Amino acid sequence: MILISTGFLLSFGARVYELALPLIIYELTQSSVAMGTMRAIQFLPIFLFGMIIGVFVDRADKKRWMLTMVSVQTALLFTLYFQTRSGTPDVGLFYVAGFFLMLLSYAYTNARISSVKWALPTSMLTSANAKFTFIQTLMQVMGPAISGAILFLSSLYIGLLITAAMYLLALVVLARLQLHETPRSTLDKGFRSELREGWSTLRENRALWVMTWFVVFFNASSASYELMVIFYVKDELQWSTAQVGIVLSCAGIGGLLGSVLTERIRMAIGIGASLALSLVVLGVTYSLTGFHSSSYTVGLAMFCFGFMTTMQNICIWAYRHETTSAPLIGRVSGMTGSIFKVGVPLALIGAGLLADVAGARAVFVVCGVVQAVVFIVFYRSSMMRVR
């Protein structure tokens, strides 16, 4: 409960920051390229450090590690705010701060995943992952309201101060955590040895290893679809900003419902069948989005998208939790997390190029075809039998 409460505060604060930062960058530069560069910089820590950060997490006292990560983020946000108040803000400072805030956030999340493994029995891990997903999705649904509130602030920089205050409150809550870890017996191992141990553990877990590479395709398709839906309704259908916001909220509502129902679905049919079901529904959703342009149809498609991608995430995260021992969960989480994102940049670039040539509808069809191919491979694999 302490971790969930802390997660709510951090998610809310991070949402304010994530929405305020692009507006601040644009206010300073009047450049959409600068905004895009900021987003790319925020992805870098996962690619650069995702594989190795789990080694440090597995070595560390989890509570102390999480307190340190949140403390540094809080100090960085307060520093950033007061620096902007003392003179003309430097765009480069925001780039550097964005990189380290994302790095620290990723390091905290890895330790939080490890802490849940230490704190709960295996039978409760699916429920725990569902609750954390519920919080994250709730923040996405609240996004339009938070965005509107930020625009009403006397200064966009107050968004930094709000985030810092929420992080400071999260620190107070997190300090109450009592986590009892089993003493480690591998402290004499070297860094490379521990890294190899984590990699070997992942490779030996055949089901998780195969599932990880399926996720590469899940994420590539979903990221491309989500990006192109916004472009499709805004550019091709000429919808208003309010209509776009309502449709995107449908995805959040689907995600909230998915976070509530996934545990029941998993208990009824198992993880393998749950993932297969999500592939079928998403394949149909992707393929048909571009052929029915009414707001009701697109809203329903986004609802299905939010529900099924949430179900995928919860099932995969829960299975990773359940099949990895607590002393190794940090390394395995870091490695799988990095691999999960491998296909996303290439998919987004490819989706953009295809949309320029053939329009967003072509991207939807390709995403649907990819889901169909992945489903055929998945259905014929041993993954279908995973409970």
Protein backbone atom coordinates (compact mmCIF):
# COMPACT_ATOMS: atom_id res chain seq x y z
CA MET A 1 0.00 0.00 0.00
CA ILE A 2 2.91 2.36 0.67
CA LEU A 3 4.36 1.60 -2.76
CA ILE A 4 0.96 2.14 -4.42
CA SER A 5 0.44 5.45 -2.58
CA THR A 6 3.93 6.56 -3.54
CA GLY A 7 3.27 5.47 -7.11
CA PHE A 8 0.14 7.62 -7.27
CA LEU A 9 1.98 10.72 -6.08
CA LEU A 10 4.91 10.14 -8.42
CA SER A 11 2.64 9.39 -11.39
CA PHE A 12 0.63 12.55 -10.82
CA GLY A 13 3.74 14.69 -10.45
CA ALA A 14 5.38 13.12 -13.49
CA ARG A 15 2.25 13.68 -15.57
CA VAL A 16 2.29 17.39 -14.73
CA TYR A 17 5.99 17.58 -15.64
CA GLU A 18 5.59 15.60 -18.88
CA LEU A 19 2.78 17.87 -20.04
CA ALA A 20 4.41 21.13 -18.93
CA LEU A 21 7.88 20.42 -20.34
CA PRO A 22 7.00 20.35 -24.07
CA LEU A 23 5.06 23.60 -23.62
CA ILE A 24 8.05 25.19 -21.87
CA ILE A 25 10.41 24.04 -24.62
CA TYR A 26 8.11 25.41 -27.31
CA GLU A 27 7.70 28.69 -25.42
CA LEU A 28 11.49 29.08 -25.32
CA THR A 29 12.27 27.99 -28.90
CA GLN A 30 9.02 28.24 -30.92
CA SER A 31 10.25 25.02 -32.55
CA SER A 32 8.45 21.68 -32.87
CA VAL A 33 11.84 20.12 -33.68
CA ALA A 34 13.09 21.14 -30.24
CA MET A 35 10.05 19.48 -28.68
CA GLY A 36 10.77 16.28 -30.64
CA THR A 37 14.41 16.37 -29.58
CA MET A 38 13.33 16.57 -25.95
CA ARG A 39 11.21 13.45 -26.40
CA ALA A 40 14.08 11.57 -28.04
CA ILE A 41 16.45 12.52 -25.21
CA GLN A 42 14.00 11.11 -22.68
CA PHE A 43 14.18 7.71 -24.40
CA LEU A 44 17.98 7.55 -24.27
CA PRO A 45 18.42 6.36 -20.65
CA ILE A 46 16.46 3.16 -21.34
CA PHE A 47 18.64 2.27 -24.33
CA LEU A 48 21.92 3.31 -22.70
CA PHE A 49 21.45 1.97 -19.18
CA GLY A 50 18.45 -0.38 -19.20
CA MET A 51 20.60 -3.49 -19.49
CA ILE A 52 22.95 -2.67 -16.63
CA ILE A 53 20.89 -0.69 -14.14
CA GLY A 54 19.32 -3.87 -12.77
CA VAL A 55 22.75 -5.02 -11.51
CA PHE A 56 22.96 -1.98 -9.24
CA VAL A 57 19.33 -2.43 -8.11
CA ASP A 58 19.89 -6.09 -7.21
CA ARG A 59 22.97 -5.11 -5.19
CA ALA A 60 21.29 -2.23 -3.38
CA ASP A 61 19.03 -1.91 -0.38
CA LYS A 62 15.77 -1.31 -2.27
CA LYS A 63 14.24 1.21 0.13
CA ARG A 64 17.41 3.28 0.31
CA TRP A 65 17.79 3.12 -3.47
CA MET A 66 14.23 4.33 -4.10
CA LEU A 67 14.55 7.13 -1.54
CA THR A 68 17.79 8.25 -3.21
CA MET A 69 16.28 8.25 -6.70
CA VAL A 70 13.22 10.25 -5.66
CA SER A 71 15.32 12.63 -3.51
CA VAL A 72 17.62 13.47 -6.43
CA GLN A 73 14.63 14.00 -8.74
CA THR A 74 13.02 16.30 -6.16
CA ALA A 75 16.21 18.33 -5.74
CA LEU A 76 16.66 18.53 -9.52
CA LEU A 77 13.10 19.81 -10.04
CA PHE A 78 13.38 22.43 -7.31
CA THR A 79 16.74 23.54 -8.73
CA LEU A 80 15.29 23.75 -12.23
CA TYR A 81 12.36 25.83 -11.03
CA PHE A 82 14.42 28.33 -9.01
CA GLN A 83 16.98 28.60 -11.82
CA THR A 84 14.22 29.62 -14.23
CA ARG A 85 13.03 32.23 -11.75
CA SER A 86 16.48 33.81 -11.44
CA GLY A 87 17.03 34.57 -15.12
CA THR A 88 16.44 33.56 -18.73
CA PRO A 89 16.10 29.75 -18.82
CA ASP A 90 18.62 27.78 -20.88
CA VAL A 91 17.06 25.19 -23.21
CA GLY A 92 20.14 23.00 -22.85
CA LEU A 93 19.50 22.81 -19.11
CA PHE A 94 16.06 21.33 -19.77
CA TYR A 95 17.57 18.72 -22.10
CA VAL A 96 20.07 17.63 -19.44
CA ALA A 97 17.43 17.67 -16.71
CA GLY A 98 15.02 15.66 -18.88
CA PHE A 99 17.66 12.99 -19.47
CA PHE A 100 18.50 12.57 -15.78
CA LEU A 101 14.88 12.74 -14.63
CA MET A 102 14.03 9.87 -16.97
CA LEU A 103 17.12 7.91 -15.89
CA LEU A 104 16.27 8.33 -12.21
CA SER A 105 12.64 7.45 -12.85
CA TYR A 106 13.64 4.25 -14.65
CA ALA A 107 16.01 3.36 -11.80
CA TYR A 108 13.23 3.92 -9.26
CA THR A 109 10.74 1.82 -11.25
CA ASN A 110 13.19 -1.07 -11.47
CA ALA A 111 13.65 -1.03 -7.69
CA ARG A 112 9.90 -0.77 -7.14
CA ILE A 113 9.40 -3.89 -9.28
CA SER A 114 12.00 -5.67 -7.18
CA SER A 115 10.40 -4.46 -3.95
CA VAL A 116 7.00 -5.83 -4.92
CA LYS A 117 8.64 -9.19 -5.54
CA TRP A 118 10.15 -9.15 -2.04
CA ALA A 119 6.96 -7.89 -0.39
CA LEU A 120 4.25 -10.15 -1.84
CA PRO A 121 3.62 -13.84 -2.43
CA THR A 122 3.48 -15.04 -6.03
CA SER A 123 -0.30 -15.38 -5.96
CA MET A 124 -0.72 -11.61 -5.47
CA LEU A 125 1.67 -10.38 -8.18
CA THR A 126 -0.91 -10.16 -10.98
CA SER A 127 -3.19 -8.11 -8.72
CA ALA A 128 -0.29 -5.84 -7.71
CA ASN A 129 0.74 -5.18 -11.31
CA ALA A 130 -2.89 -4.46 -12.19
CA LYS A 131 -3.10 -1.83 -9.44
CA PHE A 132 0.07 -0.06 -10.56
CA THR A 133 -1.23 -0.10 -14.14
CA PHE A 134 -4.54 1.33 -12.93
CA ILE A 135 -2.72 4.29 -11.41
CA GLN A 136 -0.69 4.95 -14.57
CA THR A 137 -3.78 4.70 -16.78
CA LEU A 138 -5.77 6.95 -14.46
CA MET A 139 -3.11 9.62 -14.90
CA GLN A 140 -3.43 9.28 -18.68
CA VAL A 141 -7.19 9.73 -18.46
CA MET A 142 -6.66 12.81 -16.28
CA GLY A 143 -4.16 14.14 -18.84
CA PRO A 144 -6.56 16.56 -20.61
CA ALA A 145 -7.75 17.99 -17.28
CA ILE A 146 -4.17 18.38 -16.04
CA SER A 147 -3.19 20.01 -19.36
CA GLY A 148 -6.01 22.52 -19.03
CA ALA A 149 -5.02 23.31 -15.45
CA ILE A 150 -1.40 23.88 -16.51
CA LEU A 151 -2.48 26.32 -19.23
CA PHE A 152 -4.40 28.32 -16.62
CA LEU A 153 -1.31 28.71 -14.42
CA SER A 154 0.27 32.15 -14.29
CA SER A 155 3.52 30.55 -15.45
CA LEU A 156 4.28 27.19 -17.05
CA TYR A 157 7.27 26.88 -14.73
CA ILE A 158 4.93 26.42 -11.78
CA GLY A 159 4.36 22.95 -13.25
CA LEU A 160 7.94 22.14 -12.21
CA LEU A 161 7.21 23.36 -8.69
CA ILE A 162 4.03 21.26 -8.47
CA THR A 163 5.94 18.16 -9.59
CA ALA A 164 8.69 18.81 -7.06
CA ALA A 165 6.12 19.21 -4.27
CA MET A 166 4.41 15.93 -5.21
CA TYR A 167 7.77 14.14 -5.26
CA LEU A 168 8.61 15.58 -1.85
CA LEU A 169 5.32 14.27 -0.47
CA ALA A 170 6.06 10.88 -2.06
CA LEU A 171 9.36 10.84 -0.16
CA VAL A 172 7.53 11.28 3.14
CA VAL A 173 5.24 8.34 2.34
CA LEU A 174 8.04 6.13 1.01
CA ALA A 175 10.10 6.67 4.16
CA ARG A 176 7.51 4.57 6.05
CA LEU A 177 8.21 1.49 3.92
CA GLN A 178 9.36 -1.61 5.79
CA LEU A 179 10.88 -4.10 3.37
CA HIS A 180 12.55 -7.28 4.58
CA GLU A 181 15.02 -8.59 2.02
CA THR A 182 16.90 -11.86 2.30
CA PRO A 183 20.63 -11.14 2.80
CA ARG A 184 22.58 -11.65 -0.39
CA SER A 185 25.37 -14.17 -0.73
CA THR A 186 26.76 -12.94 -4.06
CA LEU A 187 28.33 -9.65 -3.05
CA ASP A 188 31.79 -11.01 -3.87
CA LYS A 189 30.90 -11.37 -7.54
CA GLY A 190 32.10 -8.82 -10.04
CA PHE A 191 29.86 -6.53 -12.06
CA ARG A 192 30.32 -8.46 -15.31
CA SER A 193 29.69 -11.74 -13.55
CA GLU A 194 26.41 -10.49 -12.11
CA LEU A 195 25.40 -9.07 -15.48
CA ARG A 196 26.08 -12.42 -17.14
CA GLU A 197 24.14 -14.15 -14.37
CA GLY A 198 21.09 -11.99 -15.11
CA TRP A 199 21.39 -12.59 -18.85
CA SER A 200 21.74 -16.35 -18.34
CA THR A 201 18.70 -16.38 -16.07
CA LEU A 202 16.64 -14.62 -18.71
CA ARG A 203 17.80 -16.96 -21.49
CA GLU A 204 17.15 -20.04 -19.37
CA ASN A 205 13.59 -18.92 -18.71
CA ARG A 206 12.47 -20.09 -22.14
CA ALA A 207 8.90 -18.87 -21.90
CA LEU A 208 9.89 -15.38 -20.70
CA TRP A 209 12.63 -15.14 -23.34
CA VAL A 210 10.20 -15.98 -26.16
CA MET A 211 7.54 -13.71 -24.66
CA THR A 212 10.03 -10.84 -24.56
CA TRP A 213 10.54 -10.99 -28.33
CA PHE A 214 6.81 -11.16 -28.94
CA VAL A 215 6.53 -7.97 -26.91
CA VAL A 216 8.93 -6.25 -29.34
CA PHE A 217 6.26 -6.65 -32.03
CA PHE A 218 3.40 -5.84 -29.64
CA ASN A 219 5.03 -2.53 -28.71
CA ALA A 220 6.11 -1.62 -32.24
CA SER A 221 2.56 -2.04 -33.58
CA SER A 222 0.86 -0.31 -30.66
CA ALA A 223 3.24 2.67 -30.70
CA SER A 224 2.77 3.14 -34.45
CA TYR A 225 -1.00 2.85 -34.19
CA GLU A 226 -1.29 5.26 -31.26
CA LEU A 227 0.84 7.86 -33.04
CA MET A 228 -1.01 7.54 -36.35
CA VAL A 229 -4.48 7.69 -34.79
CA ILE A 230 -3.72 11.19 -33.53
CA PHE A 231 -2.40 12.20 -36.96
CA TYR A 232 -5.37 10.53 -38.70
CA VAL A 233 -8.16 12.22 -36.75
CA LYS A 234 -6.39 15.58 -36.56
CA ASP A 235 -4.94 15.89 -40.07
CA GLU A 236 -7.06 13.66 -42.32
CA LEU A 237 -10.45 13.86 -40.59
CA GLN A 238 -9.93 17.47 -39.43
CA TRP A 239 -11.37 16.86 -35.98
CA SER A 240 -11.29 19.54 -33.31
CA THR A 241 -8.91 19.36 -30.38
CA ALA A 242 -11.86 18.58 -28.09
CA GLN A 243 -12.88 15.61 -30.26
CA VAL A 244 -9.31 14.31 -30.27
CA GLY A 245 -9.16 14.58 -26.49
CA ILE A 246 -12.44 12.69 -26.06
CA VAL A 247 -11.31 9.87 -28.36
CA LEU A 248 -7.97 9.54 -26.56
CA SER A 249 -9.84 9.42 -23.27
CA CYS A 250 -11.66 6.33 -24.60
CA ALA A 251 -8.29 4.55 -24.65
CA GLY A 252 -7.75 5.55 -21.03
CA ILE A 253 -11.19 4.29 -20.01
CA GLY A 254 -10.47 0.99 -21.77
CA GLY A 255 -7.16 0.81 -19.93
CA LEU A 256 -8.82 1.39 -16.57
CA LEU A 257 -11.32 -1.39 -17.23
CA GLY A 258 -8.52 -3.66 -18.44
CA SER A 259 -6.56 -3.10 -15.24
CA VAL A 260 -9.62 -4.16 -13.22
CA LEU A 261 -10.60 -7.23 -15.27
CA THR A 262 -7.26 -8.68 -16.39
CA GLU A 263 -6.73 -10.76 -13.25
CA ARG A 264 -10.12 -12.44 -13.72
CA ILE A 265 -9.47 -13.09 -17.41
CA ARG A 266 -6.06 -14.53 -16.65
CA MET A 267 -7.51 -16.84 -13.99
CA ALA A 268 -10.20 -18.02 -16.41
CA ILE A 269 -8.13 -18.72 -19.54
CA GLY A 270 -4.44 -18.27 -18.63
CA ILE A 271 -1.76 -15.84 -19.79
CA GLY A 272 -1.14 -17.49 -23.16
CA ALA A 273 -4.80 -17.40 -24.20
CA SER A 274 -5.15 -13.84 -22.83
CA LEU A 275 -2.28 -12.64 -25.00
CA ALA A 276 -3.69 -14.51 -28.02
CA LEU A 277 -7.07 -12.85 -27.45
CA SER A 278 -5.41 -9.43 -27.31
CA LEU A 279 -3.61 -10.11 -30.60
CA VAL A 280 -6.86 -10.99 -32.36
CA VAL A 281 -8.79 -7.98 -31.02
CA LEU A 282 -5.94 -5.55 -31.70
CA GLY A 283 -5.45 -6.93 -35.22
CA VAL A 284 -9.10 -6.30 -36.05
CA THR A 285 -9.02 -2.92 -34.30
CA TYR A 286 -5.94 -1.75 -36.20
CA SER A 287 -7.18 -2.93 -39.60
CA LEU A 288 -10.69 -1.48 -39.39
CA THR A 289 -9.89 1.91 -37.82
CA GLY A 290 -9.17 3.57 -41.14
CA PHE A 291 -12.28 2.23 -42.87
CA HIS A 292 -14.85 3.68 -40.46
CA SER A 293 -14.25 7.35 -39.71
CA SER A 294 -17.18 8.10 -37.38
CA SER A 295 -16.30 9.33 -33.90
CA TYR A 296 -18.17 6.39 -32.34
CA THR A 297 -16.18 3.84 -34.32
CA VAL A 298 -12.81 5.44 -33.64
CA GLY A 299 -13.76 5.86 -29.97
CA LEU A 300 -14.65 2.15 -29.75
CA ALA A 301 -11.35 1.25 -31.46
CA MET A 302 -9.41 3.32 -28.94
CA PHE A 303 -11.35 1.73 -26.07
CA CYS A 304 -10.39 -1.76 -27.34
CA PHE A 305 -6.81 -0.57 -27.85
CA GLY A 306 -6.55 0.68 -24.26
CA PHE A 307 -8.14 -2.46 -22.81
CA MET A 308 -6.06 -4.98 -24.76
CA THR A 309 -2.67 -3.25 -24.46
CA THR A 310 -3.25 -2.92 -20.70
CA MET A 311 -4.10 -6.62 -20.48
CA GLN A 312 -0.92 -7.47 -22.40
CA ASN A 313 1.23 -5.38 -20.08
CA ILE A 314 -0.22 -6.77 -16.86
CA CYS A 315 0.07 -10.40 -18.01
CA ILE A 316 3.66 -9.97 -19.18
CA TRP A 317 4.82 -8.04 -16.12
CA ALA A 318 3.11 -10.50 -13.79
CA TYR A 319 4.68 -13.50 -15.51
CA ARG A 320 8.12 -11.87 -15.32
CA HIS A 321 7.56 -11.28 -11.62
CA GLU A 322 6.33 -14.80 -10.94
CA THR A 323 9.07 -16.69 -12.78
CA THR A 324 12.12 -14.68 -11.66
CA SER A 325 13.70 -15.06 -8.24
CA ALA A 326 13.79 -11.95 -6.05
CA PRO A 327 17.62 -11.56 -6.03
CA LEU A 328 17.62 -11.42 -9.85
CA ILE A 329 14.43 -9.51 -10.61
CA GLY A 330 16.19 -6.15 -11.04
CA ARG A 331 18.54 -7.46 -13.72
CA VAL A 332 15.88 -9.42 -15.57
CA SER A 333 13.44 -6.46 -15.45
CA GLY A 334 16.10 -4.09 -16.78
CA MET A 335 17.10 -6.41 -19.62
CA THR A 336 13.57 -7.25 -20.71
CA GLY A 337 12.55 -3.59 -20.41
CA SER A 338 15.32 -2.59 -22.82
CA ILE A 339 14.47 -5.32 -25.31
CA PHE A 340 10.77 -4.40 -25.18
CA LYS A 341 11.61 -0.97 -26.67
CA VAL A 342 14.00 -2.14 -29.39
CA GLY A 343 11.51 -2.00 -32.24
CA VAL A 344 9.68 1.20 -31.26
CA PRO A 345 11.99 3.86 -32.80
CA LEU A 346 12.24 2.01 -36.12
CA ALA A 347 8.49 1.37 -36.14
CA LEU A 348 7.70 5.04 -35.52
CA ILE A 349 10.05 6.17 -38.28
CA GLY A 350 8.60 3.58 -40.67
CA ALA A 351 5.03 4.55 -39.77
CA GLY A 352 5.80 8.20 -40.46
CA LEU A 353 7.35 7.44 -43.85
CA LEU A 354 4.47 5.16 -44.85
CA ALA A 355 1.90 7.75 -43.77
CA ASP A 356 3.60 10.39 -45.93
CA VAL A 357 3.42 8.11 -48.97
CA ALA A 358 0.11 6.27 -48.53
CA GLY A 359 -1.69 7.91 -45.60
CA ALA A 360 -2.49 6.79 -42.05
CA ARG A 361 -4.94 4.11 -43.25
CA ALA A 362 -2.04 2.18 -44.79
CA VAL A 363 -0.25 2.21 -41.41
CA PHE A 364 -3.36 0.80 -39.71
CA VAL A 365 -3.58 -2.03 -42.25
CA VAL A 366 0.12 -2.87 -41.86
CA CYS A 367 -0.24 -2.91 -38.08
CA GLY A 368 -3.20 -5.28 -38.45
CA VAL A 369 -1.23 -7.58 -40.77
CA VAL A 370 1.70 -7.62 -38.33
CA GLN A 371 -0.67 -8.61 -35.52
CA ALA A 372 -2.12 -11.39 -37.67
CA VAL A 373 1.33 -12.81 -38.47
CA VAL A 374 2.41 -12.57 -34.83
CA PHE A 375 -0.81 -14.28 -33.75
CA ILE A 376 -0.19 -17.22 -36.12
CA VAL A 377 3.35 -17.67 -34.78
CA PHE A 378 2.17 -17.17 -31.19
CA TYR A 379 -0.71 -19.64 -31.55
CA ARG A 380 1.63 -22.34 -32.87
CA SER A 381 4.20 -21.76 -30.13
CA SER A 382 4.38 -23.18 -26.63
CA MET A 383 3.27 -19.78 -25.27
CA MET A 384 -0.38 -20.71 -25.67
CA ARG A 385 -0.02 -23.19 -22.81
CA VAL A 386 1.38 -20.65 -20.33
CA ARG A 387 -1.03 -20.20 -17.43
